[in-house]
Amino acid sequence: MIIVLKPQATQADANEILDKIASLGLKPLYMPGIERTVLGALGDERILNQLHLDAYPMVDEVKPVLSPYKLVSRELQAHDSIVSIDGVKIGGGNFTVIAGPCSVESEQQLFSVAEMIKGHGVPLLRGGAFKPRTSPYSFQGLGEEGLKLLKAAKQAYGLPTVSEIIDPSDAKLMADYIDCFQIGARHMQNFRLLEAVGAEQKPVLLKRGMSATVEELLLAAEYIINAGNPNVILCERGIRTFETATRNTLDLNAVALLKEKTHLPVLVDPSHGTGVKSLINPLSRAAAAVGADGIIVEAHLNPKAALSDGPQALTADDFAKLMADIKPFVQAAGKSLSA
């Protein structure tokens, strides 16, 4: 339920209503705006209907939130959210590039990629320390040693880091090393994991499951915010379809739809979305054109030797071309490349 207060309403008026909502065991929300203050009440709809908040003199309008996802819906918040990853803003007119290797393999490998992307003004470094793999015989990541290397790379190059979490019990450990949790496609509906990162305040990059609907992605984000962490960034990374010519089918429909449905920032992962290196550049431009707030791509200075996802990793030359090619598309979309 959304409660819109009259322009002359005071903080005391808002507090009175918020206290009323909380006293009935419902979750109150306080959302002050430039022109109006909006309050929210989440919980049992039978109790919500008995509140009679329209009887308060400072209440201008009371509306139900019809979406099954309440906190992430534009019904509750019309303006875009901006999520800060250690000072790097995602959303709000920024187009942010996150780049780095699929997995952290060594100091030399990670630092060389960090230096390369830093040279192009990319503000955020990605790298997997824990790698969920289809085959149990594939490289599973360096674990905590990989996290230490990510922290060292941040200190050396000033790049905040993004890394995937796959186990709820790792949340506290990873929070000491990295700046943004990534939840991958395989874990989008791992609800214990969603609640674990929801209990932290670090930003969360939530990727769409390869068979998940847009509504299921939004409900997964709702889990995180409902647990207390509003710093959620969505990521379209391709879905599984009948098409086998590419690794996945990058669903840019979903990006445009998500921008209508939710106030959260939306990124695109063309590396996993296509699995084809030559398609990453054009799909990145398409992502900018369709309204995405940025991209996350894989880069490796020697993809032939990469321990995971080498065929879709961009070389230094590929990456330089990507950064040059997307600029006019970002500008045409009315956004600025984050630095």
Protein backbone atom coordinates (compact mmCIF):
# COMPACT_ATOMS: atom_id res chain seq x y z
CA MET A 1 0.00 0.00 0.00
CA ILE A 2 1.26 3.49 -0.91
CA ILE A 3 0.31 6.50 1.19
CA VAL A 4 0.93 9.89 -0.46
CA LEU A 5 1.03 12.78 2.01
CA LYS A 6 -0.09 16.31 1.27
CA PRO A 7 2.67 18.85 0.45
CA GLN A 8 2.30 20.57 3.81
CA ALA A 9 2.65 17.35 5.83
CA THR A 10 5.38 17.43 8.46
CA GLN A 11 7.81 14.82 9.71
CA ALA A 12 5.59 14.43 12.79
CA ASP A 13 2.60 13.64 10.56
CA ALA A 14 4.64 10.99 8.75
CA ASN A 15 5.90 9.50 12.00
CA GLU A 16 2.36 9.20 13.38
CA ILE A 17 1.30 7.11 10.38
CA LEU A 18 4.51 5.08 10.35
CA ASP A 19 4.01 4.24 14.03
CA LYS A 20 0.43 3.17 13.29
CA ILE A 21 1.63 0.87 10.53
CA ALA A 22 4.37 -0.65 12.70
CA SER A 23 2.03 -1.12 15.69
CA LEU A 24 -0.05 -3.55 13.62
CA GLY A 25 2.95 -5.69 12.73
CA LEU A 26 3.29 -4.33 9.21
CA LYS A 27 6.48 -3.08 7.58
CA PRO A 28 6.54 0.75 7.27
CA LEU A 29 8.50 2.51 4.54
CA TYR A 30 9.53 6.16 4.54
CA MET A 31 10.29 7.69 1.12
CA PRO A 32 10.70 11.48 1.30
CA GLY A 33 10.63 13.25 -2.07
CA ILE A 34 11.30 16.76 -3.33
CA GLU A 35 7.61 17.65 -3.70
CA ARG A 36 5.80 14.98 -1.71
CA THR A 37 6.52 12.44 1.00
CA VAL A 38 5.39 8.92 0.21
CA LEU A 39 4.94 6.21 2.83
CA GLY A 40 4.53 2.50 2.32
CA ALA A 41 2.95 -0.33 4.27
CA LEU A 42 3.79 -3.95 3.49
CA GLY A 43 2.22 -7.01 5.04
CA ASP A 44 -1.03 -8.90 5.48
CA GLU A 45 -3.53 -7.37 3.05
CA ARG A 46 -6.42 -8.06 5.45
CA ILE A 47 -4.78 -5.79 8.03
CA LEU A 48 -3.84 -3.22 5.38
CA ASN A 49 -7.48 -2.86 4.43
CA GLN A 50 -8.39 -2.08 8.04
CA LEU A 51 -5.92 0.77 8.46
CA HIS A 52 -8.28 3.49 7.10
CA LEU A 53 -5.30 5.77 6.57
CA ASP A 54 -7.29 7.99 4.23
CA ALA A 55 -8.98 9.33 7.35
CA TYR A 56 -5.78 11.10 8.42
CA PRO A 57 -6.00 14.82 7.49
CA MET A 58 -2.46 14.94 6.03
CA VAL A 59 -3.02 11.92 3.74
CA ASP A 60 -3.70 12.92 0.14
CA GLU A 61 -4.05 9.50 -1.49
CA VAL A 62 -3.90 5.81 -0.60
CA LYS A 63 -3.19 3.30 -3.37
CA PRO A 64 -2.60 -0.45 -3.40
CA VAL A 65 0.65 -1.84 -4.85
CA LEU A 66 -0.61 -4.34 -7.38
CA SER A 67 2.74 -5.86 -8.36
CA PRO A 68 3.73 -9.08 -6.59
CA TYR A 69 7.16 -7.45 -6.17
CA LYS A 70 6.51 -4.42 -3.97
CA LEU A 71 9.85 -2.90 -3.00
CA VAL A 72 11.44 -3.03 -6.45
CA SER A 73 8.35 -1.79 -8.29
CA ARG A 74 8.01 1.62 -9.89
CA GLU A 75 4.56 1.72 -8.31
CA LEU A 76 6.32 2.26 -4.99
CA GLN A 77 9.21 4.39 -6.30
CA ALA A 78 8.86 6.19 -9.61
CA HIS A 79 12.39 7.63 -9.84
CA ASP A 80 15.49 5.57 -10.70
CA SER A 81 17.63 4.20 -7.91
CA ILE A 82 21.37 4.81 -8.02
CA VAL A 83 23.58 2.16 -6.42
CA SER A 84 27.10 3.08 -5.37
CA ILE A 85 29.87 0.48 -5.48
CA ASP A 86 32.50 2.11 -3.28
CA GLY A 87 31.79 5.48 -4.87
CA VAL A 88 31.17 4.29 -8.45
CA LYS A 89 27.57 5.10 -9.28
CA ILE A 90 25.43 2.60 -11.18
CA GLY A 91 22.34 4.14 -12.76
CA GLY A 92 21.16 7.75 -12.83
CA GLY A 93 22.43 8.61 -16.29
CA ASN A 94 25.72 6.73 -15.94
CA PHE A 95 26.75 3.89 -18.25
CA THR A 96 29.17 1.76 -16.26
CA VAL A 97 31.55 -0.86 -17.62
CA ILE A 98 32.65 -3.66 -15.31
CA ALA A 99 35.44 -5.83 -16.72
CA GLY A 100 37.93 -8.47 -15.74
CA PRO A 101 38.66 -12.16 -15.99
CA CYS A 102 36.04 -14.83 -15.47
CA SER A 103 38.15 -16.31 -12.70
CA VAL A 104 41.10 -15.09 -10.69
CA GLU A 105 44.03 -17.33 -11.62
CA SER A 106 47.16 -15.58 -10.35
CA GLU A 107 48.46 -12.18 -9.27
CA GLN A 108 50.15 -11.66 -12.61
CA GLN A 109 47.00 -12.54 -14.56
CA LEU A 110 44.69 -10.37 -12.44
CA PHE A 111 47.01 -7.37 -12.18
CA SER A 112 47.72 -7.32 -15.91
CA VAL A 113 44.00 -7.23 -16.71
CA ALA A 114 43.38 -4.59 -14.02
CA GLU A 115 46.12 -2.39 -15.48
CA MET A 116 44.68 -2.81 -18.97
CA ILE A 117 41.09 -1.88 -18.08
CA LYS A 118 42.28 0.94 -15.83
CA GLY A 119 44.01 2.39 -18.86
CA HIS A 120 40.64 2.63 -20.61
CA GLY A 121 39.00 4.40 -17.66
CA VAL A 122 36.95 1.40 -16.56
CA PRO A 123 36.03 1.96 -12.90
CA LEU A 124 35.24 -1.57 -11.64
CA LEU A 125 37.11 -4.88 -11.73
CA ARG A 126 35.35 -8.24 -11.83
CA GLY A 127 36.88 -11.61 -11.04
CA GLY A 128 35.63 -14.93 -9.72
CA ALA A 129 37.23 -16.43 -6.63
CA PHE A 130 34.53 -19.08 -6.18
CA LYS A 131 33.40 -20.58 -9.48
CA PRO A 132 30.28 -22.73 -9.83
CA ARG A 133 31.03 -25.03 -12.77
CA THR A 134 28.89 -27.49 -14.66
CA SER A 135 31.62 -30.12 -14.51
CA PRO A 136 33.12 -31.11 -11.14
CA TYR A 137 36.46 -31.52 -12.95
CA SER A 138 36.62 -27.88 -14.11
CA PHE A 139 38.59 -25.16 -12.31
CA GLN A 140 36.59 -24.14 -9.23
CA GLY A 141 38.47 -20.92 -8.37
CA LEU A 142 41.19 -20.02 -5.85
CA GLY A 143 38.75 -19.37 -3.00
CA GLU A 144 40.00 -17.02 -0.27
CA GLU A 145 43.36 -16.69 -2.02
CA GLY A 146 41.50 -15.25 -4.98
CA LEU A 147 39.71 -12.79 -2.72
CA LYS A 148 43.06 -11.64 -1.32
CA LEU A 149 44.32 -11.03 -4.85
CA LEU A 150 41.20 -8.99 -5.65
CA LYS A 151 41.78 -6.83 -2.59
CA ALA A 152 45.43 -6.39 -3.55
CA ALA A 153 44.43 -5.42 -7.10
CA LYS A 154 42.05 -2.81 -5.72
CA GLN A 155 44.80 -1.33 -3.59
CA ALA A 156 47.24 -1.32 -6.50
CA TYR A 157 44.92 0.12 -9.17
CA GLY A 158 42.12 1.82 -7.23
CA LEU A 159 39.44 -0.38 -8.78
CA PRO A 160 36.55 -1.52 -6.53
CA THR A 161 35.83 -5.20 -7.10
CA VAL A 162 32.89 -7.47 -7.95
CA SER A 163 33.00 -11.21 -7.24
CA GLU A 164 30.50 -14.04 -7.20
CA ILE A 165 29.19 -15.56 -3.99
CA ILE A 166 27.84 -19.11 -4.13
CA ASP A 167 27.39 -20.05 -0.47
CA PRO A 168 25.51 -18.06 2.21
CA SER A 169 28.19 -18.91 4.78
CA ASP A 170 30.77 -17.00 2.69
CA ALA A 171 28.99 -13.62 3.01
CA LYS A 172 30.94 -12.37 6.02
CA LEU A 173 34.25 -13.60 4.61
CA MET A 174 33.74 -12.00 1.21
CA ALA A 175 32.47 -8.73 2.69
CA ASP A 176 35.98 -8.16 4.10
CA TYR A 177 37.60 -8.43 0.67
CA ILE A 178 35.29 -7.24 -2.11
CA ASP A 179 32.98 -4.28 -2.81
CA CYS A 180 30.03 -5.93 -4.55
CA PHE A 181 28.54 -9.39 -4.36
CA GLN A 182 27.60 -11.03 -7.62
CA ILE A 183 24.89 -13.68 -7.60
CA GLY A 184 25.11 -15.77 -10.74
CA ALA A 185 22.41 -17.32 -12.87
CA ARG A 186 22.61 -20.69 -11.13
CA HIS A 187 21.88 -19.12 -7.75
CA MET A 188 19.26 -16.52 -8.63
CA GLN A 189 16.64 -18.47 -6.67
CA ASN A 190 18.90 -19.66 -3.86
CA PHE A 191 16.74 -17.92 -1.30
CA ARG A 192 19.08 -18.53 1.65
CA LEU A 193 21.82 -16.85 -0.37
CA LEU A 194 19.55 -13.92 -1.27
CA GLU A 195 18.71 -13.40 2.40
CA ALA A 196 22.39 -13.67 3.40
CA VAL A 197 23.48 -10.84 1.08
CA GLY A 198 20.32 -8.97 2.07
CA ALA A 199 21.65 -8.91 5.62
CA GLU A 200 24.80 -7.13 4.39
CA GLN A 201 24.90 -3.57 3.07
CA LYS A 202 27.30 -4.16 0.21
CA PRO A 203 25.78 -3.83 -3.28
CA VAL A 204 24.53 -6.98 -4.99
CA LEU A 205 24.72 -7.63 -8.73
CA LEU A 206 21.89 -10.10 -9.32
CA LYS A 207 22.01 -12.02 -12.59
CA ARG A 208 18.91 -13.47 -14.20
CA GLY A 209 18.62 -17.24 -14.09
CA MET A 210 18.98 -18.86 -17.48
CA SER A 211 15.36 -20.12 -17.33
CA ALA A 212 13.89 -17.41 -15.11
CA THR A 213 11.10 -15.06 -16.09
CA VAL A 214 11.38 -11.32 -15.61
CA GLU A 215 8.92 -11.55 -12.73
CA GLU A 216 11.00 -14.24 -11.04
CA LEU A 217 14.10 -12.04 -11.34
CA LEU A 218 12.26 -9.13 -9.75
CA LEU A 219 10.98 -11.33 -6.94
CA ALA A 220 14.53 -12.54 -6.31
CA ALA A 221 15.59 -8.88 -5.99
CA GLU A 222 12.64 -8.37 -3.65
CA TYR A 223 14.12 -11.03 -1.32
CA ILE A 224 17.35 -9.06 -0.98
CA ILE A 225 15.71 -5.70 -0.36
CA ASN A 226 13.13 -7.18 2.01
CA ALA A 227 16.04 -8.56 4.05
CA GLY A 228 17.34 -5.02 4.51
CA ASN A 229 19.74 -4.30 1.64
CA PRO A 230 18.39 -1.81 -0.94
CA ASN A 231 21.60 -1.82 -3.01
CA VAL A 232 20.57 -4.20 -5.79
CA ILE A 233 21.64 -4.08 -9.45
CA LEU A 234 19.93 -6.38 -11.96
CA CYS A 235 21.76 -8.08 -14.81
CA GLU A 236 20.39 -9.66 -17.98
CA ARG A 237 22.87 -12.37 -18.97
CA GLY A 238 21.02 -14.43 -21.54
CA ILE A 239 18.47 -17.18 -21.26
CA ARG A 240 18.33 -20.76 -22.49
CA THR A 241 16.22 -21.18 -25.64
CA PHE A 242 15.94 -23.60 -28.56
CA GLU A 243 18.73 -21.68 -30.33
CA THR A 244 22.12 -23.39 -30.13
CA ALA A 245 24.13 -21.11 -32.43
CA THR A 246 25.08 -19.02 -29.41
CA ARG A 247 25.71 -20.06 -25.81
CA ASN A 248 22.54 -18.28 -24.63
CA THR A 249 20.02 -15.87 -26.12
CA LEU A 250 20.59 -12.33 -24.86
CA ASP A 251 17.12 -11.07 -24.04
CA LEU A 252 17.28 -7.33 -24.66
CA ASN A 253 13.47 -7.28 -24.51
CA ALA A 254 13.89 -7.90 -20.82
CA VAL A 255 16.18 -4.88 -20.37
CA ALA A 256 13.64 -2.46 -21.81
CA LEU A 257 10.85 -4.13 -19.82
CA LEU A 258 12.82 -4.07 -16.58
CA LYS A 259 13.45 -0.34 -16.99
CA GLU A 260 9.66 0.10 -17.10
CA LYS A 261 8.86 -2.23 -14.21
CA THR A 262 11.54 -1.39 -11.66
CA HIS A 263 13.56 1.54 -10.38
CA LEU A 264 16.67 -0.64 -9.95
CA PRO A 265 19.67 -0.23 -12.31
CA VAL A 266 19.95 -2.83 -15.07
CA LEU A 267 23.22 -4.10 -16.55
CA VAL A 268 23.81 -6.46 -19.48
CA ASP A 269 26.32 -9.31 -19.68
CA PRO A 270 27.00 -9.89 -23.39
CA SER A 271 29.87 -12.30 -22.60
CA HIS A 272 27.58 -14.96 -21.14
CA GLY A 273 24.61 -13.77 -23.17
CA THR A 274 26.27 -14.83 -26.39
CA GLY A 275 29.35 -16.87 -25.49
CA VAL A 276 30.78 -15.64 -28.80
CA LYS A 277 33.59 -13.10 -28.55
CA SER A 278 32.82 -11.40 -31.86
CA LEU A 279 29.24 -10.68 -30.73
CA ILE A 280 30.16 -8.95 -27.48
CA ASN A 281 30.93 -5.62 -29.14
CA PRO A 282 27.66 -5.28 -31.15
CA LEU A 283 25.54 -6.56 -28.25
CA SER A 284 27.21 -4.06 -25.91
CA ARG A 285 26.22 -1.26 -28.29
CA ALA A 286 22.71 -2.69 -28.42
CA ALA A 287 22.60 -2.75 -24.62
CA ALA A 288 23.41 0.96 -24.50
CA ALA A 289 20.80 1.69 -27.15
CA VAL A 290 18.04 -0.22 -25.36
CA GLY A 291 18.55 1.68 -22.11
CA ALA A 292 20.87 -0.45 -19.99
CA ASP A 293 22.87 1.25 -17.26
CA GLY A 294 26.07 -0.56 -18.17
CA ILE A 295 27.70 -3.83 -19.13
CA ILE A 296 29.83 -6.47 -17.46
CA VAL A 297 32.30 -8.24 -19.75
CA GLU A 298 35.08 -10.77 -19.46
CA ALA A 299 38.65 -9.82 -20.42
CA HIS A 300 41.88 -11.81 -20.38
CA LEU A 301 45.26 -10.97 -21.85
CA ASN A 302 45.81 -14.57 -22.90
CA PRO A 303 42.40 -16.19 -23.44
CA LYS A 304 43.96 -19.36 -24.84
CA ALA A 305 45.43 -20.06 -21.39
CA ALA A 306 42.35 -19.01 -19.40
CA LEU A 307 41.14 -21.58 -16.86
CA SER A 308 37.48 -20.72 -17.51
CA ASP A 309 35.45 -19.15 -20.34
CA GLY A 310 38.50 -18.31 -22.48
CA PRO A 311 36.59 -18.39 -25.81
CA GLN A 312 34.38 -15.49 -24.74
CA ALA A 313 37.12 -13.38 -23.11
CA LEU A 314 38.17 -10.15 -24.81
CA THR A 315 41.85 -9.55 -25.52
CA ALA A 316 43.46 -6.14 -24.96
CA ASP A 317 42.85 -5.20 -28.60
CA ASP A 318 39.24 -6.44 -28.47
CA PHE A 319 38.65 -4.44 -25.32
CA ALA A 320 40.15 -1.26 -26.73
CA LYS A 321 37.84 -1.52 -29.75
CA LEU A 322 34.82 -2.18 -27.53
CA MET A 323 35.47 0.93 -25.43
CA ALA A 324 35.89 3.07 -28.55
CA ASP A 325 32.82 1.65 -30.29
CA ILE A 326 30.32 2.01 -27.43
CA LYS A 327 31.01 5.69 -26.73
CA PRO A 328 28.74 7.15 -29.45
CA PHE A 329 25.95 4.74 -28.48
CA VAL A 330 26.20 5.73 -24.82
CA GLN A 331 26.13 9.41 -25.78
CA ALA A 332 23.18 8.84 -28.13
CA ALA A 333 21.31 7.22 -25.23
CA GLY A 334 21.83 10.41 -23.23
CA LYS A 335 24.22 8.84 -20.76
CA SER A 336 27.85 9.25 -19.74
CA LEU A 337 30.51 6.59 -19.41
CA SER A 338 31.41 6.17 -15.73
CA ALA A 339 35.07 6.70 -14.92
